[in-house]
């Protein structure tokens, strides 16, 4: 499958690279299919297939926040088809605000790596924010 992007031009994707968001991503709910593109060592682009301009910088939050944790509800596990811990990958959206890179720890994206289904969660009562500054890593 060939995808056109504004940042990277035309990209050939293997169907196994496609991540399905059955409910979309809040604010972009009409876009259901995405793929990941490596950017820097631990930072990737989560790029929409059906919109050449829609892409989000994401990272594995555990690389920056080793004690980050949350529960995945039984409903979400069922919705995504999660059967074992090894099925789960987590990324969080990054943003640049006033020269500071922040991570949205309040709304992580959970991906079932086995079937490539994903959903963005909204965590409640965790104390996490959507604008948590990334610590400096050298």
Protein backbone atom coordinates (compact mmCIF):
# COMPACT_ATOMS: atom_id res chain seq x y z
CA UNK A 1 0.00 0.00 0.00
CA UNK A 2 1.34 3.43 -0.93
CA UNK A 3 0.58 6.41 1.35
CA UNK A 4 1.20 10.07 0.57
CA UNK A 5 2.42 12.29 3.41
CA UNK A 6 3.29 15.98 3.52
CA UNK A 7 6.35 15.38 5.73
CA UNK A 8 7.86 12.26 4.15
CA UNK A 9 6.49 12.10 0.61
CA UNK A 10 5.22 8.76 -0.64
CA UNK A 11 5.74 5.76 1.64
CA UNK A 12 5.18 2.10 0.84
CA UNK A 13 3.55 0.35 3.78
CA UNK A 14 3.23 -3.30 4.54
CA UNK A 15 -0.31 -4.06 5.76
CA UNK A 16 1.21 -5.30 9.04
CA UNK A 17 2.33 -1.73 9.80
CA UNK A 18 -1.23 -0.39 9.92
CA UNK A 19 -2.63 0.40 13.36
CA UNK A 20 -6.42 0.46 13.56
CA UNK A 21 -8.11 2.92 15.92
CA UNK A 22 -11.73 1.68 15.73
CA UNK A 23 -12.93 4.77 17.64
CA UNK A 24 -10.40 7.13 16.10
CA UNK A 25 -8.32 9.55 18.14
CA UNK A 26 -10.25 12.30 19.97
CA UNK A 27 -10.37 15.34 17.74
CA UNK A 28 -9.61 13.19 14.70
CA UNK A 29 -12.31 10.53 15.09
CA UNK A 30 -12.90 10.18 11.34
CA UNK A 31 -9.31 8.94 10.88
CA UNK A 32 -9.07 5.27 11.88
CA UNK A 33 -5.84 3.97 10.31
CA UNK A 34 -2.32 5.06 11.29
CA UNK A 35 1.26 3.83 11.08
CA UNK A 36 4.46 4.58 12.99
CA UNK A 37 7.55 6.15 11.43
CA UNK A 38 10.88 6.29 13.28
CA UNK A 39 12.01 9.86 13.95
CA UNK A 40 14.68 9.82 16.65
CA UNK A 41 15.85 6.94 18.84
CA UNK A 42 12.82 6.86 21.12
CA UNK A 43 10.53 9.28 19.32
CA UNK A 44 8.24 8.29 16.44
CA UNK A 45 5.60 9.84 14.23
CA UNK A 46 2.10 8.36 14.44
CA UNK A 47 0.84 9.20 10.96
CA UNK A 48 -2.69 8.97 9.59
CA UNK A 49 -3.10 6.96 6.42
CA UNK A 50 -6.10 8.87 5.06
CA UNK A 51 -4.84 12.41 5.71
CA UNK A 52 -1.37 13.35 4.44
CA UNK A 53 -1.09 16.19 6.99
CA UNK A 54 -2.17 14.47 10.21
CA UNK A 55 0.73 13.14 12.27
CA UNK A 56 1.62 13.20 15.94
CA UNK A 57 4.97 12.86 17.68
CA UNK A 58 4.83 10.00 20.18
CA UNK A 59 7.16 8.21 22.55
CA UNK A 60 7.23 5.27 24.90
CA UNK A 61 6.50 7.01 28.23
CA UNK A 62 8.48 4.45 30.24
CA UNK A 63 11.70 5.68 28.59
CA UNK A 64 11.24 9.04 30.33
CA UNK A 65 9.03 8.13 33.29
CA UNK A 66 10.01 4.63 34.52
CA UNK A 67 7.45 4.68 37.35
CA UNK A 68 4.54 5.63 35.04
CA UNK A 69 1.69 3.18 35.47
CA UNK A 70 -2.04 2.82 34.98
CA UNK A 71 -4.65 0.11 34.80
CA UNK A 72 -6.21 -1.02 31.54
CA UNK A 73 -9.86 -1.81 32.16
CA UNK A 74 -11.33 -5.18 31.26
CA UNK A 75 -13.55 -3.40 28.72
CA UNK A 76 -10.52 -1.94 26.91
CA UNK A 77 -8.67 -5.26 27.05
CA UNK A 78 -11.69 -6.92 25.44
CA UNK A 79 -12.17 -4.09 22.91
CA UNK A 80 -8.52 -4.32 21.80
CA UNK A 81 -8.31 -8.11 22.06
CA UNK A 82 -5.51 -8.03 24.65
CA UNK A 83 -4.85 -11.54 25.95
CA UNK A 84 -1.45 -11.20 27.66
CA UNK A 85 0.88 -8.42 28.87
CA UNK A 86 3.15 -8.96 25.85
CA UNK A 87 0.31 -7.80 23.58
CA UNK A 88 0.51 -4.25 24.97
CA UNK A 89 2.56 -1.30 23.77
CA UNK A 90 1.99 2.20 25.12
CA UNK A 91 2.85 5.54 23.54
CA UNK A 92 1.99 9.09 24.56
CA UNK A 93 1.56 12.19 22.44
CA UNK A 94 4.27 14.85 22.59
CA UNK A 95 3.84 18.60 22.18
CA UNK A 96 6.14 21.60 22.00
CA UNK A 97 4.90 24.44 24.19
CA UNK A 98 6.93 27.57 24.87
CA UNK A 99 10.16 25.79 23.94
CA UNK A 100 9.39 22.87 26.26
CA UNK A 101 8.59 19.33 25.10
CA UNK A 102 5.68 17.88 27.04
CA UNK A 103 4.08 14.44 27.19
CA UNK A 104 0.38 13.69 27.53
CA UNK A 105 0.53 11.15 30.37
CA UNK A 106 -3.18 11.60 31.08
CA UNK A 107 -4.25 10.20 27.70
CA UNK A 108 -1.95 7.32 26.72
CA UNK A 109 -2.42 5.32 23.53
CA UNK A 110 -2.60 1.57 24.08
CA UNK A 111 -1.73 -0.62 21.10
CA UNK A 112 -2.28 -4.36 20.86
CA UNK A 113 0.88 -5.33 18.99
CA UNK A 114 -0.58 -8.71 18.04
CA UNK A 115 -3.64 -7.48 16.13
CA UNK A 116 -2.66 -3.78 15.68
CA UNK A 117 -5.84 -2.41 17.33
CA UNK A 118 -5.38 0.74 19.40
CA UNK A 119 -7.24 3.19 21.57
CA UNK A 120 -6.43 6.42 23.34
CA UNK A 121 -7.45 6.23 26.99
CA UNK A 122 -8.43 9.07 29.29
CA UNK A 123 -7.07 8.36 32.75
CA UNK A 124 -9.02 9.68 35.71
CA UNK A 125 -7.84 10.27 39.27
CA UNK A 126 -4.20 9.48 38.50
CA UNK A 127 -2.59 12.88 39.00
CA UNK A 128 -1.09 12.68 35.51
CA UNK A 129 -1.40 15.70 33.25
CA UNK A 130 -1.53 16.23 29.51
CA UNK A 131 1.40 18.66 29.72
CA UNK A 132 4.09 16.84 31.69
CA UNK A 133 7.55 18.21 30.78
CA UNK A 134 9.97 15.61 29.47
CA UNK A 135 13.03 15.29 31.70
CA UNK A 136 16.34 16.08 30.05
CA UNK A 137 18.09 12.94 28.88
CA UNK A 138 21.65 13.19 27.62
